[in-house]
Structure formats: C-alpha cells, structure tokens
Amino acid sequence: MNAELIDCNISHAEQLYNWANDLDVRKNAFYSNPIKWADHVKWLEKKLASQSTKLYVLKKNTDLIGQIRFDLNKHNNWLIDYSIDKNFRAQGFGKLIIQLGIEKIKAYSYDIIAEVKVDNIASIQVFSALGFRQIFKNNDYVTFEFKIDQNESSI
C-alpha cells in the first residue's frame, strides 16, 4: 500500500481533532461525547510529552490516513487505540496501521491490549486477523491480547 507510519507532533492537532470527532469514531469510543478543541489540545500536548505514550500517524503520499496510539498501562501492557479517516475505511488501512504500529512498538517488549466495543465488528475482525487473542468478552466490549515476546517476526 506504500504508506508509512510517522511520529505524531503538534502540527497534526487539527487532523487528530477531526478524526476524534468523526461520528463513527465517537460511536465506537468508550467516551462517546464530542471533544472540545481546548480539551483536545491539552490532551495532545500531554500525550506527546509522555514517555508512556507512543502516537503515530499513517501517511500515504500527501494523505493522512489515520492515527494509532499506544499507552503504557499500570500492568506494563500497551493499550492500543486507532482510527482511520472516513475516506479511507474498508480499504485495508486498519490492518496496515496496526501491523506498522506493532513493528514500531515491539522493541519495547510489552504485550499489547485492545479493548473494542462488541458492535465494532470491523475492529474485532482486524484484531482477530492479526493474531490478537480474545481474553475477555462481556455485553459491552471484547478484550484482545497480542504477546510481543512470542511474536518476534513481522506479522
């Protein structure tokens, strides 16, 4: 697909804000209320300064396709979050952004956890196809795990 994962920086603030407030993204988020610009900028500055967060943007030519974020939780697992621009959905970019994200993050040797709402079928299919193992499910969400130490090769 000839796309690359680049480090996110403050110049991506407006694009990230637009993606975060996309109706489908809000519907699939655990916090579904719209996000205010001032709150977004404050959140982004904090995430970019944090040693416990890795934030990337998928770029193809001049197009920004989506974002992927890894937050280190208290159990020393990366909690993954990603979204794809509405103009690029259903084209394989969800799978690609996660594959590229894992390649970037695996050097840190922490396992990856994904929490997905049960009605977010597209993300459930992507995580399953990439070898994430379902470790929990209830009426609201599914939790997947990807073991880094057992998957040294590229996915």
Protein backbone atom coordinates (compact mmCIF):
# COMPACT_ATOMS: atom_id res chain seq x y z
CA MET A 1 0.00 0.00 0.00
CA ASN A 2 3.05 2.24 0.10
CA ALA A 3 2.12 4.01 3.33
CA GLU A 4 4.36 4.89 6.26
CA LEU A 5 3.88 5.43 9.96
CA ILE A 6 5.32 8.74 11.13
CA ASP A 7 5.69 10.22 14.59
CA CYS A 8 2.78 12.43 15.51
CA ASN A 9 3.50 16.02 16.50
CA ILE A 10 1.53 19.13 17.40
CA SER A 11 1.13 20.05 13.71
CA HIS A 12 -1.27 17.09 13.47
CA ALA A 13 -3.58 18.54 16.15
CA GLU A 14 -6.37 19.66 13.81
CA GLN A 15 -6.40 16.41 11.84
CA LEU A 16 -6.46 14.33 15.04
CA TYR A 17 -9.26 16.51 16.38
CA ASN A 18 -11.33 15.97 13.22
CA TRP A 19 -10.76 12.21 13.34
CA ALA A 20 -11.61 12.06 17.05
CA ASN A 21 -14.91 13.85 16.48
CA ASP A 22 -15.95 11.76 13.49
CA LEU A 23 -19.42 10.32 14.23
CA ASP A 24 -18.35 6.69 13.76
CA VAL A 25 -15.22 7.19 15.89
CA ARG A 26 -17.30 8.71 18.70
CA LYS A 27 -19.83 5.86 18.39
CA ASN A 28 -17.04 3.28 18.80
CA ALA A 29 -15.26 5.12 21.60
CA PHE A 30 -15.87 4.30 25.26
CA TYR A 31 -16.33 8.04 25.88
CA SER A 32 -18.75 8.96 23.11
CA ASN A 33 -19.37 12.68 23.74
CA PRO A 34 -17.88 15.16 21.25
CA ILE A 35 -14.46 16.51 22.21
CA LYS A 36 -13.86 20.23 22.65
CA TRP A 37 -10.89 21.82 20.86
CA ALA A 38 -9.28 23.21 24.04
CA ASP A 39 -9.55 19.82 25.76
CA HIS A 40 -8.09 18.11 22.70
CA VAL A 41 -5.05 20.40 22.50
CA LYS A 42 -4.36 19.98 26.22
CA TRP A 43 -4.73 16.18 25.91
CA LEU A 44 -2.46 16.05 22.82
CA GLU A 45 0.28 18.14 24.42
CA LYS A 46 0.21 15.83 27.46
CA LYS A 47 0.34 12.68 25.29
CA LEU A 48 3.20 14.00 23.15
CA ALA A 49 5.22 14.83 26.28
CA SER A 50 4.57 11.48 27.95
CA GLN A 51 7.15 8.70 27.99
CA SER A 52 4.22 6.27 28.43
CA THR A 53 2.56 7.15 25.12
CA LYS A 54 3.61 6.49 21.54
CA LEU A 55 1.48 8.25 18.93
CA TYR A 56 1.80 7.83 15.17
CA VAL A 57 0.05 8.95 12.01
CA LEU A 58 -0.31 6.81 8.89
CA LYS A 59 0.65 8.76 5.77
CA LYS A 60 0.35 7.75 2.13
CA ASN A 61 1.86 10.24 -0.29
CA THR A 62 0.41 13.53 1.00
CA ASP A 63 -2.71 11.96 2.54
CA LEU A 64 -3.04 11.43 6.28
CA ILE A 65 -4.91 8.12 6.61
CA GLY A 66 -5.29 7.55 10.34
CA GLN A 67 -3.73 7.50 13.78
CA ILE A 68 -2.55 4.84 16.19
CA ARG A 69 -1.68 5.34 19.84
CA PHE A 70 -0.11 3.06 22.43
CA ASP A 71 -0.48 3.96 26.11
CA LEU A 72 1.50 2.00 28.68
CA ASN A 73 -0.88 0.95 31.46
CA LYS A 74 -0.17 0.07 35.10
CA HIS A 75 0.20 -3.62 34.18
CA ASN A 76 3.03 -2.83 31.71
CA ASN A 77 0.90 -3.53 28.65
CA TRP A 78 0.41 -1.20 25.72
CA LEU A 79 -3.26 -0.25 25.36
CA ILE A 80 -3.87 0.33 21.65
CA ASP A 81 -6.18 2.90 20.10
CA TYR A 82 -6.51 3.59 16.38
CA SER A 83 -8.81 5.24 13.89
CA ILE A 84 -8.92 5.58 10.12
CA ASP A 85 -10.13 8.63 8.21
CA LYS A 86 -13.67 8.05 6.90
CA ASN A 87 -12.43 8.46 3.31
CA PHE A 88 -10.02 5.54 3.69
CA ARG A 89 -12.10 2.99 5.61
CA ALA A 90 -12.73 -0.54 4.28
CA GLN A 91 -9.52 -0.41 2.22
CA GLY A 92 -7.24 -2.42 4.49
CA PHE A 93 -5.69 0.55 6.30
CA GLY A 94 -6.93 -0.60 9.73
CA LYS A 95 -4.93 -3.79 9.42
CA LEU A 96 -1.93 -1.95 7.97
CA ILE A 97 -1.78 0.72 10.68
CA ILE A 98 -1.83 -1.94 13.39
CA GLN A 99 0.85 -4.03 11.64
CA LEU A 100 3.11 -0.99 11.27
CA GLY A 101 2.36 0.09 14.83
CA ILE A 102 3.36 -3.31 16.20
CA GLU A 103 6.61 -3.14 14.23
CA LYS A 104 7.39 0.23 15.86
CA ILE A 105 6.32 -0.74 19.39
CA LYS A 106 7.68 -4.28 19.68
CA ALA A 107 11.16 -3.03 20.59
CA TYR A 108 9.70 -2.03 23.96
CA SER A 109 8.82 -5.71 24.64
CA TYR A 110 5.45 -5.07 26.30
CA ASP A 111 2.35 -7.01 25.28
CA ILE A 112 -0.49 -5.14 23.57
CA ILE A 113 -4.09 -4.98 24.79
CA ALA A 114 -7.04 -3.88 22.64
CA GLU A 115 -10.47 -3.13 24.06
CA VAL A 116 -13.20 -2.99 21.43
CA LYS A 117 -16.93 -2.38 21.73
CA VAL A 118 -18.83 -5.56 20.81
CA ASP A 119 -20.67 -3.82 17.95
CA ASN A 120 -17.41 -2.58 16.34
CA ILE A 121 -17.25 -5.59 14.02
CA ALA A 122 -14.61 -4.10 11.71
CA SER A 123 -12.06 -3.67 14.52
CA ILE A 124 -12.86 -7.07 16.01
CA GLN A 125 -12.17 -8.64 12.61
CA VAL A 126 -8.91 -6.71 12.18
CA PHE A 127 -7.54 -7.69 15.60
CA SER A 128 -8.57 -11.32 15.09
CA ALA A 129 -6.96 -11.44 11.64
CA LEU A 130 -3.69 -10.10 13.06
CA GLY A 131 -3.39 -12.82 15.68
CA PHE A 132 -4.70 -10.96 18.70
CA ARG A 133 -6.21 -13.47 21.12
CA GLN A 134 -9.58 -12.76 22.73
CA ILE A 135 -9.10 -12.87 26.51
CA PHE A 136 -12.37 -11.35 27.73
CA LYS A 137 -15.84 -10.53 26.47
CA ASN A 138 -18.98 -9.14 28.04
CA ASN A 139 -22.08 -7.37 26.69
CA ASP A 140 -20.16 -4.12 26.16
CA TYR A 141 -16.65 -4.90 24.94
CA VAL A 142 -14.11 -7.51 23.90
CA THR A 143 -10.52 -7.51 25.14
CA PHE A 144 -7.76 -8.83 22.90
CA GLU A 145 -4.12 -9.50 23.71
CA PHE A 146 -1.06 -9.68 21.48
CA LYS A 147 2.06 -11.22 23.02
CA ILE A 148 5.15 -9.40 21.77
CA ASP A 149 7.72 -11.79 23.25
CA GLN A 150 6.20 -14.73 21.34
CA ASN A 151 5.94 -12.88 18.03
CA GLU A 152 9.41 -11.66 17.17
CA SER A 153 8.88 -11.96 13.43
CA SER A 154 6.85 -9.49 11.41
CA ILE A 155 3.12 -10.04 11.28
